[in-house]
Structures are given as structure tokens and as C-alpha cells.
Amino acid sequence: MRFIKLNSRGGNYLLVAENVAWLRDYENDQTQVGMVGGAPLLVAGKIEDIAASILAQANAPE
């Protein structure tokens, strides 16, 4: 299980990479991150940047 870090305007999240189900653009340069079995999270950043961050962190060597 790999944890990834995503920043939010209200605080930061550590997520299990495998639980990310979808990404959706949101207002004010934010992105909704859909989670398997849970409510979406609102994180700071454009969808392309969040996707790149998730992939980079998920594929980084341990």
C-alpha cells in the first residue's frame, strides 16, 4: 500500500494511491478527487497537475 500526499486549502491529505477513482475539475483552480467507497476530496491545483502528482508519487521507488 502506497500513500500519496495531496495539498488542500484547508489542510493536507495522505491517501492510499489505489483508492483514487476519478478526478474532476472544480472552481478556483481546485480539483475533486473521487475516492473508492467515500466522498470526494477537494484539493488545490489543476487536474493535470494533480494527475501528474498522483502518478509520480505512486510510481516512485520506495
PDB file of N, CA and C in Angstrom:
ATOM      1  N   MET A   1       0.854  -1.165   0.000  1.00  0.00           N
ATOM      2  CA  MET A   1       0.000   0.000   0.000  1.00  0.00           C
ATOM      3  C   MET A   1       0.909   1.240   0.000  1.00  0.00           C
ATOM      4  N   ARG A   2       0.624   2.144  -0.929  1.00  0.00           N
ATOM      5  CA  ARG A   2       1.431   3.361  -1.035  1.00  0.00           C
ATOM      6  C   ARG A   2       0.554   4.568  -0.733  1.00  0.00           C
ATOM      7  N   PHE A   3       1.055   5.426   0.157  1.00  0.00           N
ATOM      8  CA  PHE A   3       0.378   6.674   0.465  1.00  0.00           C
ATOM      9  C   PHE A   3       0.922   7.792  -0.417  1.00  0.00           C
ATOM     10  N   ILE A   4       0.033   8.671  -0.841  1.00  0.00           N
ATOM     11  CA  ILE A   4       0.440   9.850  -1.599  1.00  0.00           C
ATOM     12  C   ILE A   4      -0.073  11.081  -0.859  1.00  0.00           C
ATOM     13  N   LYS A   5       0.634  12.190  -1.009  1.00  0.00           N
ATOM     14  CA  LYS A   5       0.270  13.436  -0.337  1.00  0.00           C
ATOM     15  C   LYS A   5      -0.350  14.395  -1.346  1.00  0.00           C
ATOM     16  N   LEU A   6      -1.526  14.938  -0.990  1.00  0.00           N
ATOM     17  CA  LEU A   6      -2.172  15.974  -1.792  1.00  0.00           C
ATOM     18  C   LEU A   6      -2.501  17.145  -0.888  1.00  0.00           C
ATOM     19  N   ASN A   7      -2.254  18.354  -1.385  1.00  0.00           N
ATOM     20  CA  ASN A   7      -2.473  19.561  -0.601  1.00  0.00           C
ATOM     21  C   ASN A   7      -3.845  20.144  -0.870  1.00  0.00           C
ATOM     22  N   SER A   8      -4.424  20.696   0.168  1.00  0.00           N
ATOM     23  CA  SER A   8      -5.721  21.332   0.096  1.00  0.00           C
ATOM     24  C   SER A   8      -5.600  22.709   0.728  1.00  0.00           C
ATOM     25  N   ARG A   9      -6.533  23.574   0.453  1.00  0.00           N
ATOM     26  CA  ARG A   9      -6.513  24.902   1.066  1.00  0.00           C
ATOM     27  C   ARG A   9      -6.906  24.836   2.539  1.00  0.00           C
ATOM     28  N   GLY A  10      -7.575  23.777   2.946  1.00  0.00           N
ATOM     29  CA  GLY A  10      -7.999  23.633   4.326  1.00  0.00           C
ATOM     30  C   GLY A  10      -7.126  22.690   5.136  1.00  0.00           C
ATOM     31  N   GLY A  11      -6.159  22.064   4.521  1.00  0.00           N
ATOM     32  CA  GLY A  11      -5.292  21.082   5.169  1.00  0.00           C
ATOM     33  C   GLY A  11      -4.753  20.132   4.125  1.00  0.00           C
ATOM     34  N   ASN A  12      -3.923  19.216   4.533  1.00  0.00           N
ATOM     35  CA  ASN A  12      -3.311  18.279   3.594  1.00  0.00           C
ATOM     36  C   ASN A  12      -3.845  16.875   3.828  1.00  0.00           C
ATOM     37  N   TYR A  13      -3.794  16.042   2.784  1.00  0.00           N
ATOM     38  CA  TYR A  13      -4.292  14.678   2.842  1.00  0.00           C
ATOM     39  C   TYR A  13      -3.170  13.691   2.534  1.00  0.00           C
ATOM     40  N   LEU A  14      -3.208  12.553   3.181  1.00  0.00           N
ATOM     41  CA  LEU A  14      -2.439  11.381   2.790  1.00  0.00           C
ATOM     42  C   LEU A  14      -3.459  10.342   2.352  1.00  0.00           C
ATOM     43  N   LEU A  15      -3.360   9.910   1.107  1.00  0.00           N
ATOM     44  CA  LEU A  15      -4.328   8.980   0.528  1.00  0.00           C
ATOM     45  C   LEU A  15      -3.640   7.694   0.118  1.00  0.00           C
ATOM     46  N   VAL A  16      -4.379   6.614   0.131  1.00  0.00           N
ATOM     47  CA  VAL A  16      -3.886   5.372  -0.453  1.00  0.00           C
ATOM     48  C   VAL A  16      -4.061   5.507  -1.967  1.00  0.00           C
ATOM     49  N   ALA A  17      -2.977   5.407  -2.710  1.00  0.00           N
ATOM     50  CA  ALA A  17      -2.992   5.653  -4.152  1.00  0.00           C
ATOM     51  C   ALA A  17      -4.019   4.780  -4.872  1.00  0.00           C
ATOM     52  N   GLU A  18      -4.169   3.545  -4.464  1.00  0.00           N
ATOM     53  CA  GLU A  18      -5.081   2.626  -5.128  1.00  0.00           C
ATOM     54  C   GLU A  18      -6.553   2.990  -4.918  1.00  0.00           C
ATOM     55  N   ASN A  19      -6.853   3.866  -3.962  1.00  0.00           N
ATOM     56  CA  ASN A  19      -8.239   4.248  -3.678  1.00  0.00           C
ATOM     57  C   ASN A  19      -8.717   5.450  -4.488  1.00  0.00           C
ATOM     58  N   VAL A  20      -7.846   6.058  -5.274  1.00  0.00           N
ATOM     59  CA  VAL A  20      -8.254   7.183  -6.118  1.00  0.00           C
ATOM     60  C   VAL A  20      -9.025   6.617  -7.311  1.00  0.00           C
ATOM     61  N   ALA A  21     -10.278   7.058  -7.460  1.00  0.00           N
ATOM     62  CA  ALA A  21     -11.134   6.515  -8.513  1.00  0.00           C
ATOM     63  C   ALA A  21     -11.259   7.448  -9.706  1.00  0.00           C
ATOM     64  N   TRP A  22     -11.329   8.772  -9.469  1.00  0.00           N
ATOM     65  CA  TRP A  22     -11.518   9.722 -10.569  1.00  0.00           C
ATOM     66  C   TRP A  22     -11.083  11.115 -10.139  1.00  0.00           C
ATOM     67  N   LEU A  23     -10.869  11.982 -11.129  1.00  0.00           N
ATOM     68  CA  LEU A  23     -10.545  13.398 -10.915  1.00  0.00           C
ATOM     69  C   LEU A  23     -11.539  14.242 -11.691  1.00  0.00           C
ATOM     70  N   ARG A  24     -11.906  15.380 -11.123  1.00  0.00           N
ATOM     71  CA  ARG A  24     -12.843  16.285 -11.803  1.00  0.00           C
ATOM     72  C   ARG A  24     -12.422  17.728 -11.543  1.00  0.00           C
ATOM     73  N   ASP A  25     -12.386  18.540 -12.625  1.00  0.00           N
ATOM     74  CA  ASP A  25     -12.119  19.977 -12.466  1.00  0.00           C
ATOM     75  C   ASP A  25     -13.142  20.603 -11.547  1.00  0.00           C
ATOM     76  N   TYR A  26     -12.696  21.559 -10.734  1.00  0.00           N
ATOM     77  CA  TYR A  26     -13.589  22.286  -9.851  1.00  0.00           C
ATOM     78  C   TYR A  26     -13.237  23.764  -9.958  1.00  0.00           C
ATOM     79  N   GLU A  27     -13.949  24.603  -9.287  1.00  0.00           N
ATOM     80  CA  GLU A  27     -13.740  26.043  -9.409  1.00  0.00           C
ATOM     81  C   GLU A  27     -12.493  26.506  -8.656  1.00  0.00           C
ATOM     82  N   ASN A  28     -12.011  27.697  -9.028  1.00  0.00           N
ATOM     83  CA  ASN A  28     -10.872  28.354  -8.369  1.00  0.00           C
ATOM     84  C   ASN A  28      -9.604  27.505  -8.354  1.00  0.00           C
ATOM     85  N   ASP A  29      -9.274  26.900  -9.498  1.00  0.00           N
ATOM     86  CA  ASP A  29      -8.061  26.073  -9.635  1.00  0.00           C
ATOM     87  C   ASP A  29      -7.976  24.972  -8.583  1.00  0.00           C
ATOM     88  N   GLN A  30      -9.088  24.308  -8.354  1.00  0.00           N
ATOM     89  CA  GLN A  30      -9.124  23.168  -7.453  1.00  0.00           C
ATOM     90  C   GLN A  30      -9.618  21.942  -8.229  1.00  0.00           C
ATOM     91  N   THR A  31      -9.368  20.770  -7.663  1.00  0.00           N
ATOM     92  CA  THR A  31      -9.758  19.506  -8.282  1.00  0.00           C
ATOM     93  C   THR A  31     -10.446  18.632  -7.248  1.00  0.00           C
ATOM     94  N   GLN A  32     -11.527  17.982  -7.645  1.00  0.00           N
ATOM     95  CA  GLN A  32     -12.162  16.983  -6.795  1.00  0.00           C
ATOM     96  C   GLN A  32     -11.501  15.640  -7.082  1.00  0.00           C
ATOM     97  N   VAL A  33     -11.165  14.924  -6.021  1.00  0.00           N
ATOM     98  CA  VAL A  33     -10.562  13.603  -6.127  1.00  0.00           C
ATOM     99  C   VAL A  33     -11.577  12.600  -5.590  1.00  0.00           C
ATOM    100  N   GLY A  34     -12.104  11.760  -6.473  1.00  0.00           N
ATOM    101  CA  GLY A  34     -13.059  10.737  -6.068  1.00  0.00           C
ATOM    102  C   GLY A  34     -12.346   9.568  -5.429  1.00  0.00           C
ATOM    103  N   MET A  35     -12.903   9.109  -4.313  1.00  0.00           N
ATOM    104  CA  MET A  35     -12.301   8.010  -3.578  1.00  0.00           C
ATOM    105  C   MET A  35     -13.218   6.790  -3.623  1.00  0.00           C
ATOM    106  N   VAL A  36     -12.644   5.607  -3.755  1.00  0.00           N
ATOM    107  CA  VAL A  36     -13.408   4.371  -3.720  1.00  0.00           C
ATOM    108  C   VAL A  36     -14.056   4.262  -2.337  1.00  0.00           C
ATOM    109  N   GLY A  37     -15.379   4.142  -2.323  1.00  0.00           N
ATOM    110  CA  GLY A  37     -16.089   3.952  -1.077  1.00  0.00           C
ATOM    111  C   GLY A  37     -16.199   5.171  -0.195  1.00  0.00           C
ATOM    112  N   GLY A  38     -15.962   6.354  -0.744  1.00  0.00           N
ATOM    113  CA  GLY A  38     -16.029   7.550   0.093  1.00  0.00           C
ATOM    114  C   GLY A  38     -16.407   8.787  -0.685  1.00  0.00           C
ATOM    115  N   ALA A  39     -16.554   9.880   0.019  1.00  0.00           N
ATOM    116  CA  ALA A  39     -16.888  11.161  -0.593  1.00  0.00           C
ATOM    117  C   ALA A  39     -15.649  11.758  -1.262  1.00  0.00           C
ATOM    118  N   PRO A  40     -15.851  12.570  -2.307  1.00  0.00           N
ATOM    119  CA  PRO A  40     -14.703  13.189  -2.964  1.00  0.00           C
ATOM    120  C   PRO A  40     -14.016  14.215  -2.066  1.00  0.00           C
ATOM    121  N   LEU A  41     -12.718  14.375  -2.295  1.00  0.00           N
ATOM    122  CA  LEU A  41     -11.913  15.356  -1.584  1.00  0.00           C
ATOM    123  C   LEU A  41     -11.651  16.532  -2.507  1.00  0.00           C
ATOM    124  N   LEU A  42     -11.574  17.720  -1.952  1.00  0.00           N
ATOM    125  CA  LEU A  42     -11.271  18.915  -2.725  1.00  0.00           C
ATOM    126  C   LEU A  42      -9.829  19.304  -2.446  1.00  0.00           C
ATOM    127  N   VAL A  43      -8.991  19.288  -3.495  1.00  0.00           N
ATOM    128  CA  VAL A  43      -7.575  19.602  -3.337  1.00  0.00           C
ATOM    129  C   VAL A  43      -7.199  20.787  -4.207  1.00  0.00           C
ATOM    130  N   ALA A  44      -6.120  21.452  -3.833  1.00  0.00           N
ATOM    131  CA  ALA A  44      -5.645  22.628  -4.555  1.00  0.00           C
ATOM    132  C   ALA A  44      -4.828  22.195  -5.762  1.00  0.00           C
ATOM    133  N   GLY A  45      -5.103  22.782  -6.919  1.00  0.00           N
ATOM    134  CA  GLY A  45      -4.335  22.510  -8.125  1.00  0.00           C
ATOM    135  C   GLY A  45      -5.215  22.125  -9.293  1.00  0.00           C
ATOM    136  N   LYS A  46      -4.682  22.331 -10.477  1.00  0.00           N
ATOM    137  CA  LYS A  46      -5.386  21.967 -11.704  1.00  0.00           C
ATOM    138  C   LYS A  46      -5.361  20.452 -11.879  1.00  0.00           C
ATOM    139  N   ILE A  47      -6.330  19.947 -12.591  1.00  0.00           N
ATOM    140  CA  ILE A  47      -6.499  18.496 -12.749  1.00  0.00           C
ATOM    141  C   ILE A  47      -5.243  17.839 -13.343  1.00  0.00           C
ATOM    142  N   GLU A  48      -4.607  18.501 -14.295  1.00  0.00           N
ATOM    143  CA  GLU A  48      -3.405  17.928 -14.915  1.00  0.00           C
ATOM    144  C   GLU A  48      -2.265  17.823 -13.902  1.00  0.00           C
ATOM    145  N   ASP A  49      -2.124  18.831 -13.057  1.00  0.00           N
ATOM    146  CA  ASP A  49      -1.064  18.822 -12.048  1.00  0.00           C
ATOM    147  C   ASP A  49      -1.321  17.759 -10.977  1.00  0.00           C
ATOM    148  N   ILE A  50      -2.575  17.615 -10.584  1.00  0.00           N
ATOM    149  CA  ILE A  50      -2.922  16.611  -9.581  1.00  0.00           C
ATOM    150  C   ILE A  50      -2.693  15.213 -10.150  1.00  0.00           C
ATOM    151  N   ALA A  51      -3.101  14.979 -11.392  1.00  0.00           N
ATOM    152  CA  ALA A  51      -2.890  13.678 -12.032  1.00  0.00           C
ATOM    153  C   ALA A  51      -1.402  13.349 -12.112  1.00  0.00           C
ATOM    154  N   ALA A  52      -0.602  14.317 -12.519  1.00  0.00           N
ATOM    155  CA  ALA A  52       0.843  14.098 -12.618  1.00  0.00           C
ATOM    156  C   ALA A  52       1.449  13.803 -11.246  1.00  0.00           C
ATOM    157  N   SER A  53       0.993  14.508 -10.227  1.00  0.00           N
ATOM    158  CA  SER A  53       1.497  14.289  -8.873  1.00  0.00           C
ATOM    159  C   SER A  53       1.132  12.894  -8.365  1.00  0.00           C
ATOM    160  N   ILE A  54      -0.091  12.471  -8.601  1.00  0.00           N
ATOM    161  CA  ILE A  54      -0.521  11.141  -8.176  1.00  0.00           C
ATOM    162  C   ILE A  54       0.307  10.065  -8.861  1.00  0.00           C
ATOM    163  N   LEU A  55       0.475  10.184 -10.173  1.00  0.00           N
ATOM    164  CA  LEU A  55       1.251   9.181 -10.908  1.00  0.00           C
ATOM    165  C   LEU A  55       2.709   9.158 -10.474  1.00  0.00           C
ATOM    166  N   ALA A  56       3.307  10.337 -10.283  1.00  0.00           N
ATOM    167  CA  ALA A  56       4.712  10.401  -9.880  1.00  0.00           C
ATOM    168  C   ALA A  56       4.914   9.783  -8.501  1.00  0.00           C
ATOM    169  N   GLN A  57       4.012  10.096  -7.571  1.00  0.00           N
ATOM    170  CA  GLN A  57       4.165   9.562  -6.222  1.00  0.00           C
ATOM    171  C   GLN A  57       3.868   8.060  -6.169  1.00  0.00           C
ATOM    172  N   ALA A  58       2.883   7.622  -6.929  1.00  0.00           N
ATOM    173  CA  ALA A  58       2.518   6.211  -6.931  1.00  0.00           C
ATOM    174  C   ALA A  58       3.595   5.336  -7.564  1.00  0.00           C
ATOM    175  N   ASN A  59       4.331   5.902  -8.515  1.00  0.00           N
ATOM    176  CA  ASN A  59       5.346   5.124  -9.228  1.00  0.00           C
ATOM    177  C   ASN A  59       6.766   5.372  -8.747  1.00  0.00           C
ATOM    178  N   ALA A  60       6.928   6.203  -7.700  1.00  0.00           N
ATOM    179  CA  ALA A  60       8.264   6.491  -7.173  1.00  0.00           C
ATOM    180  C   ALA A  60       8.819   5.252  -6.472  1.00  0.00           C
ATOM    181  N   PRO A  61      10.123   5.033  -6.591  1.00  0.00           N
ATOM    182  CA  PRO A  61      10.719   3.885  -5.905  1.00  0.00           C
ATOM    183  C   PRO A  61      10.618   4.057  -4.386  1.00  0.00           C
ATOM    184  N   GLU A  62      10.455   2.955  -3.696  1.00  0.00           N
ATOM    185  CA  GLU A  62      10.318   3.007  -2.233  1.00  0.00           C
ATOM    186  C   GLU A  62      11.663   3.091  -1.578  1.00  0.00           C
TER     187      GLU A  62
END
